[in-house]
Every structure is written in C-alpha cells, then in structure tokens.
Amino acid sequence: MPIHVYQASGDEHCAQCRNGFEQLEKMSAEPLSNCPQCGAALRRCITAPAVISSDGHLLSPGHIEKHGFTQYKKVGQGEYERTAGSNGPDKLKA
C-alpha cells in the first residue's frame, strides 16, 4: 500500500495538516477530503516514490562486517586479499 501525503488546502488548519501528514492507504481508497483532527479541507500532494534500484548495498564492506562475514577480493592468480571483516587471514593463496 502506498503512503499518500496530505496538506491543508485553505487558511484553516491544525498543527497536523499545516505542514502535511502521511497516510497509508490502498490505491483504490478515496482520497481524504478533510483533516481527521480538525476537519479542515485537504489536498493530496504528489511526492517522489521511494525506489530501491539494486542490491549493491548488501555487498558493501560495512554491511558485510555488520553481519559478521568476511569478504575477500581477488588480487592475482590464486591470491585473495581481505576487504571486509576481521575473521580469517589478511591474504589467501590458492
């Protein structure tokens, strides 16, 4: 379900609708026309969606270390160097 942002559309408003508030709603739900707190007229605002473009952050050294894993990077023919984590040797040779 998307989160819609509502803001007061007139001069009358309360602290909640003056700066806007978020409302979790189904796509098929009718937009709110009045503030649930003060009854002021509302308008639904268009906002940027939150989009995750890839899983690249899952392989970042900080994320790997946070979860207790160790990561090695190939540096030569059969040679690997530790890039994340504190467990294991600094270098490996195959």
C-alpha atoms as a PDB file:
ATOM      1  CA  MET A   1       0.000   0.000   0.000  1.00  0.00           C
ATOM      2  CA  PRO A   2       1.340   3.447  -0.856  1.00  0.00           C
ATOM      3  CA  ILE A   3       1.798   6.302   1.575  1.00  0.00           C
ATOM      4  CA  HIS A   4      -0.037   9.469   0.497  1.00  0.00           C
ATOM      5  CA  VAL A   5       0.841  12.937   1.780  1.00  0.00           C
ATOM      6  CA  TYR A   6      -1.964  15.361   2.642  1.00  0.00           C
ATOM      7  CA  GLN A   7      -1.774  19.082   3.427  1.00  0.00           C
ATOM      8  CA  ALA A   8      -4.327  21.750   4.322  1.00  0.00           C
ATOM      9  CA  SER A   9      -5.650  23.495   1.215  1.00  0.00           C
ATOM     10  CA  GLY A  10      -7.132  26.558   2.916  1.00  0.00           C
ATOM     11  CA  ASP A  11      -6.352  29.064   5.644  1.00  0.00           C
ATOM     12  CA  GLU A  12      -7.899  26.959   8.392  1.00  0.00           C
ATOM     13  CA  HIS A  13      -5.656  24.192   9.671  1.00  0.00           C
ATOM     14  CA  CYS A  14      -4.241  22.497  12.737  1.00  0.00           C
ATOM     15  CA  ALA A  15      -0.645  21.584  13.584  1.00  0.00           C
ATOM     16  CA  GLN A  16      -1.094  18.194  11.869  1.00  0.00           C
ATOM     17  CA  CYS A  17      -2.344  19.373   8.474  1.00  0.00           C
ATOM     18  CA  ARG A  18      -0.474  22.724   8.302  1.00  0.00           C
ATOM     19  CA  ASN A  19       2.864  21.036   7.491  1.00  0.00           C
ATOM     20  CA  GLY A  20       1.319  17.938   5.976  1.00  0.00           C
ATOM     21  CA  PHE A  21       0.972  14.372   7.189  1.00  0.00           C
ATOM     22  CA  GLU A  22       1.362  10.902   5.718  1.00  0.00           C
ATOM     23  CA  GLN A  23      -1.484   8.422   5.405  1.00  0.00           C
ATOM     24  CA  LEU A  24      -1.107   4.745   4.488  1.00  0.00           C
ATOM     25  CA  GLU A  25      -3.942   3.956   2.046  1.00  0.00           C
ATOM     26  CA  LYS A  26      -4.929   1.443  -0.580  1.00  0.00           C
ATOM     27  CA  MET A  27      -4.670   2.608  -4.174  1.00  0.00           C
ATOM     28  CA  SER A  28      -8.420   2.120  -4.541  1.00  0.00           C
ATOM     29  CA  ALA A  29      -9.274   4.237  -1.460  1.00  0.00           C
ATOM     30  CA  GLU A  30     -10.962   7.604  -1.934  1.00  0.00           C
ATOM     31  CA  PRO A  31      -8.622  10.499  -1.077  1.00  0.00           C
ATOM     32  CA  LEU A  32      -9.234  12.219   2.257  1.00  0.00           C
ATOM     33  CA  SER A  33     -11.143  15.471   1.850  1.00  0.00           C
ATOM     34  CA  ASN A  34     -10.974  16.685   5.450  1.00  0.00           C
ATOM     35  CA  CYS A  35      -8.368  16.525   8.208  1.00  0.00           C
ATOM     36  CA  PRO A  36      -9.254  13.775  10.697  1.00  0.00           C
ATOM     37  CA  GLN A  37      -8.134  16.024  13.572  1.00  0.00           C
ATOM     38  CA  CYS A  38      -9.611  19.469  12.803  1.00  0.00           C
ATOM     39  CA  GLY A  39     -11.873  18.949   9.767  1.00  0.00           C
ATOM     40  CA  ALA A  40     -10.002  21.425   7.522  1.00  0.00           C
ATOM     41  CA  ALA A  41     -10.106  20.918   3.758  1.00  0.00           C
ATOM     42  CA  LEU A  42      -7.182  18.832   2.459  1.00  0.00           C
ATOM     43  CA  ARG A  43      -5.376  18.258  -0.796  1.00  0.00           C
ATOM     44  CA  ARG A  44      -3.292  15.206  -1.633  1.00  0.00           C
ATOM     45  CA  CYS A  45       0.286  16.149  -2.562  1.00  0.00           C
ATOM     46  CA  ILE A  46       2.415  14.430  -5.169  1.00  0.00           C
ATOM     47  CA  THR A  47       5.713  13.204  -3.711  1.00  0.00           C
ATOM     48  CA  ALA A  48       8.693  11.261  -5.014  1.00  0.00           C
ATOM     49  CA  PRO A  49       8.404   7.492  -4.528  1.00  0.00           C
ATOM     50  CA  ALA A  50      10.965   5.552  -2.517  1.00  0.00           C
ATOM     51  CA  VAL A  51      12.693   3.285  -5.023  1.00  0.00           C
ATOM     52  CA  ILE A  52      15.444   0.762  -4.357  1.00  0.00           C
ATOM     53  CA  SER A  53      17.374   0.263  -7.569  1.00  0.00           C
ATOM     54  CA  SER A  54      19.687  -2.618  -6.703  1.00  0.00           C
ATOM     55  CA  ASP A  55      21.071  -4.943  -4.069  1.00  0.00           C
ATOM     56  CA  GLY A  56      24.562  -3.427  -4.303  1.00  0.00           C
ATOM     57  CA  HIS A  57      24.405  -2.109  -0.752  1.00  0.00           C
ATOM     58  CA  LEU A  58      24.178  -5.704   0.501  1.00  0.00           C
ATOM     59  CA  LEU A  59      27.730  -6.329  -0.719  1.00  0.00           C
ATOM     60  CA  SER A  60      29.274  -3.171   0.733  1.00  0.00           C
ATOM     61  CA  PRO A  61      32.120  -3.810   3.195  1.00  0.00           C
ATOM     62  CA  GLY A  62      30.267  -2.068   6.027  1.00  0.00           C
ATOM     63  CA  HIS A  63      27.161  -4.216   5.569  1.00  0.00           C
ATOM     64  CA  ILE A  64      29.220  -7.401   5.371  1.00  0.00           C
ATOM     65  CA  GLU A  65      31.169  -6.587   8.562  1.00  0.00           C
ATOM     66  CA  LYS A  66      27.989  -5.586  10.398  1.00  0.00           C
ATOM     67  CA  HIS A  67      26.598  -9.082   9.874  1.00  0.00           C
ATOM     68  CA  GLY A  68      29.819 -10.854  10.901  1.00  0.00           C
ATOM     69  CA  PHE A  69      31.012 -12.027   7.485  1.00  0.00           C
ATOM     70  CA  THR A  70      34.436 -11.756   5.858  1.00  0.00           C
ATOM     71  CA  GLN A  71      34.944 -10.751   2.220  1.00  0.00           C
ATOM     72  CA  TYR A  72      37.978 -11.374   0.027  1.00  0.00           C
ATOM     73  CA  LYS A  73      38.913  -9.774  -3.307  1.00  0.00           C
ATOM     74  CA  LYS A  74      40.983 -11.471  -5.990  1.00  0.00           C
ATOM     75  CA  VAL A  75      44.272  -9.583  -6.430  1.00  0.00           C
ATOM     76  CA  GLY A  76      46.184 -12.019  -8.626  1.00  0.00           C
ATOM     77  CA  GLN A  77      46.414 -15.579  -9.931  1.00  0.00           C
ATOM     78  CA  GLY A  78      45.173 -17.604  -6.965  1.00  0.00           C
ATOM     79  CA  GLU A  79      45.700 -14.726  -4.494  1.00  0.00           C
ATOM     80  CA  TYR A  80      42.979 -13.060  -2.440  1.00  0.00           C
ATOM     81  CA  GLU A  81      43.058 -10.140  -0.014  1.00  0.00           C
ATOM     82  CA  ARG A  82      40.591  -9.482   2.803  1.00  0.00           C
ATOM     83  CA  THR A  83      38.448  -6.382   2.124  1.00  0.00           C
ATOM     84  CA  ALA A  84      35.865  -6.680   4.905  1.00  0.00           C
ATOM     85  CA  GLY A  85      35.539  -8.437   8.234  1.00  0.00           C
ATOM     86  CA  SER A  86      38.021  -9.300  10.955  1.00  0.00           C
ATOM     87  CA  ASN A  87      37.902 -13.114  10.845  1.00  0.00           C
ATOM     88  CA  GLY A  88      40.459 -15.062   8.861  1.00  0.00           C
ATOM     89  CA  PRO A  89      43.853 -14.235   7.427  1.00  0.00           C
ATOM     90  CA  ASP A  90      44.653 -10.968   5.657  1.00  0.00           C
ATOM     91  CA  LYS A  91      45.694 -12.841   2.482  1.00  0.00           C
ATOM     92  CA  LEU A  92      44.859 -16.207   0.952  1.00  0.00           C
ATOM     93  CA  LYS A  93      46.743 -18.211  -1.667  1.00  0.00           C
ATOM     94  CA  ALA A  94      45.050 -20.994  -3.547  1.00  0.00           C
END
